[in-house]
Amino acid sequence: MFGFLNLGSLVLGVIAILLPICSILSTNKKVHNYRLIFCTLSFSACAISISFQLLYNNHLVKIEDWSALMDTTSSSVFAVTILLISTILLNTLTIIINRDKTVKNYPH
């Protein structure tokens, strides 16, 4: 069961990165209307992905599998750092690109 935490973390990490990319590349107006929801879902997927990694590390501590913990911690920290930075940058880019469209669509 705990092995699925790594798989879930990987899938949610990919989703966290793909959602803002789809929002940026989409020409569909419906997608542009929901870009804030895409950003929220992206950050949520990133947070859950990181939580899954923490839960897996907690499991390794509880079963006292120190060698597995020492082997996987540095790569997990690297992957989480890349995921977090890329999610923040891509969502910020999405907001910057669509900022002018938002201002034009809403009356003052």
C-alpha atoms as a PDB file:
ATOM      1  CA  MET A   1       0.000   0.000   0.000  1.00  0.00           C
ATOM      2  CA  PHE A   2       2.756   2.452   0.860  1.00  0.00           C
ATOM      3  CA  GLY A   3       4.399   1.835  -2.519  1.00  0.00           C
ATOM      4  CA  PHE A   4       1.423   3.577  -4.108  1.00  0.00           C
ATOM      5  CA  LEU A   5       2.444   6.790  -2.346  1.00  0.00           C
ATOM      6  CA  ASN A   6       5.442   7.079  -4.680  1.00  0.00           C
ATOM      7  CA  LEU A   7       3.317   6.374  -7.736  1.00  0.00           C
ATOM      8  CA  GLY A   8       0.653   8.857  -6.584  1.00  0.00           C
ATOM      9  CA  SER A   9       3.333  11.439  -5.919  1.00  0.00           C
ATOM     10  CA  LEU A  10       4.743  11.000  -9.413  1.00  0.00           C
ATOM     11  CA  VAL A  11       1.327  11.202 -11.110  1.00  0.00           C
ATOM     12  CA  LEU A  12       0.273  14.277  -9.128  1.00  0.00           C
ATOM     13  CA  GLY A  13       3.641  15.926  -9.791  1.00  0.00           C
ATOM     14  CA  VAL A  14       3.170  15.460 -13.533  1.00  0.00           C
ATOM     15  CA  ILE A  15      -0.362  16.851 -13.271  1.00  0.00           C
ATOM     16  CA  ALA A  16       0.938  19.848 -11.304  1.00  0.00           C
ATOM     17  CA  ILE A  17       3.331  20.660 -14.140  1.00  0.00           C
ATOM     18  CA  LEU A  18       1.010  19.869 -17.054  1.00  0.00           C
ATOM     19  CA  LEU A  19      -1.981  21.946 -15.934  1.00  0.00           C
ATOM     20  CA  PRO A  20      -0.298  25.359 -16.285  1.00  0.00           C
ATOM     21  CA  ILE A  21       1.407  24.263 -19.511  1.00  0.00           C
ATOM     22  CA  CYS A  22      -1.997  23.312 -20.970  1.00  0.00           C
ATOM     23  CA  SER A  23      -3.406  26.634 -19.801  1.00  0.00           C
ATOM     24  CA  ILE A  24      -0.571  28.553 -21.471  1.00  0.00           C
ATOM     25  CA  LEU A  25      -0.670  26.645 -24.746  1.00  0.00           C
ATOM     26  CA  SER A  26      -4.447  26.437 -25.097  1.00  0.00           C
ATOM     27  CA  THR A  27      -6.237  28.614 -27.627  1.00  0.00           C
ATOM     28  CA  ASN A  28      -9.658  27.588 -26.316  1.00  0.00           C
ATOM     29  CA  LYS A  29     -11.464  30.510 -24.641  1.00  0.00           C
ATOM     30  CA  LYS A  30     -13.131  28.193 -22.112  1.00  0.00           C
ATOM     31  CA  VAL A  31      -9.715  27.129 -20.852  1.00  0.00           C
ATOM     32  CA  HIS A  32      -8.680  30.770 -20.468  1.00  0.00           C
ATOM     33  CA  ASN A  33     -11.819  31.440 -18.428  1.00  0.00           C
ATOM     34  CA  TYR A  34     -10.833  28.708 -15.981  1.00  0.00           C
ATOM     35  CA  ARG A  35      -7.115  29.456 -15.705  1.00  0.00           C
ATOM     36  CA  LEU A  36      -7.438  30.417 -12.037  1.00  0.00           C
ATOM     37  CA  ILE A  37      -9.012  27.031 -11.333  1.00  0.00           C
ATOM     38  CA  PHE A  38      -6.154  25.363 -13.259  1.00  0.00           C
ATOM     39  CA  CYS A  39      -3.618  27.245 -11.121  1.00  0.00           C
ATOM     40  CA  THR A  40      -5.401  26.199  -7.939  1.00  0.00           C
ATOM     41  CA  LEU A  41      -5.560  22.572  -9.064  1.00  0.00           C
ATOM     42  CA  SER A  42      -1.888  22.694 -10.033  1.00  0.00           C
ATOM     43  CA  PHE A  43      -0.803  24.000  -6.635  1.00  0.00           C
ATOM     44  CA  SER A  44      -3.080  21.472  -4.920  1.00  0.00           C
ATOM     45  CA  ALA A  45      -1.600  18.588  -6.905  1.00  0.00           C
ATOM     46  CA  CYS A  46       1.895  19.821  -6.035  1.00  0.00           C
ATOM     47  CA  ALA A  47       1.043  20.018  -2.318  1.00  0.00           C
ATOM     48  CA  ILE A  48      -0.521  16.554  -2.267  1.00  0.00           C
ATOM     49  CA  SER A  49       2.458  15.150  -4.167  1.00  0.00           C
ATOM     50  CA  ILE A  50       4.858  16.563  -1.573  1.00  0.00           C
ATOM     51  CA  SER A  51       2.618  15.248   1.210  1.00  0.00           C
ATOM     52  CA  PHE A  52       2.765  11.755  -0.286  1.00  0.00           C
ATOM     53  CA  GLN A  53       6.559  11.903  -0.187  1.00  0.00           C
ATOM     54  CA  LEU A  54       6.477  12.946   3.465  1.00  0.00           C
ATOM     55  CA  LEU A  55       4.059  10.139   4.286  1.00  0.00           C
ATOM     56  CA  TYR A  56       6.312   7.615   2.561  1.00  0.00           C
ATOM     57  CA  ASN A  57       9.360   8.872   4.462  1.00  0.00           C
ATOM     58  CA  ASN A  58       7.348   8.637   7.681  1.00  0.00           C
ATOM     59  CA  HIS A  59       6.490   5.039   6.819  1.00  0.00           C
ATOM     60  CA  LEU A  60      10.181   4.226   6.329  1.00  0.00           C
ATOM     61  CA  VAL A  61      10.965   5.743   9.731  1.00  0.00           C
ATOM     62  CA  LYS A  62       8.174   3.759  11.430  1.00  0.00           C
ATOM     63  CA  ILE A  63       9.392   0.447  10.012  1.00  0.00           C
ATOM     64  CA  GLU A  64      12.972   1.515  10.755  1.00  0.00           C
ATOM     65  CA  ASP A  65      14.216   0.932   7.222  1.00  0.00           C
ATOM     66  CA  TRP A  66      17.135   3.314   7.636  1.00  0.00           C
ATOM     67  CA  SER A  67      19.034   2.156   4.568  1.00  0.00           C
ATOM     68  CA  ALA A  68      16.041   2.822   2.292  1.00  0.00           C
ATOM     69  CA  LEU A  69      15.535   6.201   3.936  1.00  0.00           C
ATOM     70  CA  MET A  70      19.186   7.142   3.462  1.00  0.00           C
ATOM     71  CA  ASP A  71      19.120   5.942  -0.163  1.00  0.00           C
ATOM     72  CA  THR A  72      15.982   7.820  -1.196  1.00  0.00           C
ATOM     73  CA  THR A  73      16.045  11.041   0.826  1.00  0.00           C
ATOM     74  CA  SER A  74      18.453  13.036  -1.343  1.00  0.00           C
ATOM     75  CA  SER A  75      16.688  12.154  -4.594  1.00  0.00           C
ATOM     76  CA  SER A  76      13.289  12.873  -3.011  1.00  0.00           C
ATOM     77  CA  VAL A  77      14.454  16.290  -1.844  1.00  0.00           C
ATOM     78  CA  PHE A  78      15.811  17.051  -5.325  1.00  0.00           C
ATOM     79  CA  ALA A  79      12.578  15.951  -7.035  1.00  0.00           C
ATOM     80  CA  VAL A  80      10.393  17.901  -4.618  1.00  0.00           C
ATOM     81  CA  THR A  81      12.516  21.024  -5.093  1.00  0.00           C
ATOM     82  CA  ILE A  82      12.270  20.792  -8.897  1.00  0.00           C
ATOM     83  CA  LEU A  83       8.519  20.145  -8.675  1.00  0.00           C
ATOM     84  CA  LEU A  84       7.904  23.094  -6.378  1.00  0.00           C
ATOM     85  CA  ILE A  85      10.031  25.554  -8.356  1.00  0.00           C
ATOM     86  CA  SER A  86       8.586  24.517 -11.713  1.00  0.00           C
ATOM     87  CA  THR A  87       5.002  24.651 -10.403  1.00  0.00           C
ATOM     88  CA  ILE A  88       5.492  28.137  -8.986  1.00  0.00           C
ATOM     89  CA  LEU A  89       7.216  29.428 -12.132  1.00  0.00           C
ATOM     90  CA  LEU A  90       4.707  27.927 -14.565  1.00  0.00           C
ATOM     91  CA  ASN A  91       1.697  29.191 -12.633  1.00  0.00           C
ATOM     92  CA  THR A  92       3.260  32.639 -12.310  1.00  0.00           C
ATOM     93  CA  LEU A  93       3.917  32.639 -16.045  1.00  0.00           C
ATOM     94  CA  THR A  94       0.291  31.657 -16.678  1.00  0.00           C
ATOM     95  CA  ILE A  95      -0.948  34.568 -14.591  1.00  0.00           C
ATOM     96  CA  ILE A  96       1.459  37.041 -16.226  1.00  0.00           C
ATOM     97  CA  ILE A  97       0.550  35.950 -19.755  1.00  0.00           C
ATOM     98  CA  ASN A  98      -3.172  36.199 -19.080  1.00  0.00           C
ATOM     99  CA  ARG A  99      -3.063  39.324 -16.917  1.00  0.00           C
ATOM    100  CA  ASP A 100      -3.898  41.696 -19.764  1.00  0.00           C
ATOM    101  CA  LYS A 101      -6.798  39.511 -20.906  1.00  0.00           C
ATOM    102  CA  THR A 102      -8.266  39.576 -17.417  1.00  0.00           C
ATOM    103  CA  VAL A 103      -8.109  43.348 -17.160  1.00  0.00           C
ATOM    104  CA  LYS A 104      -9.827  43.774 -20.562  1.00  0.00           C
ATOM    105  CA  ASN A 105     -12.613  41.293 -19.788  1.00  0.00           C
ATOM    106  CA  TYR A 106     -13.793  42.865 -16.526  1.00  0.00           C
ATOM    107  CA  PRO A 107     -15.389  46.332 -16.473  1.00  0.00           C
ATOM    108  CA  HIS A 108     -14.174  48.813 -13.878  1.00  0.00           C
END
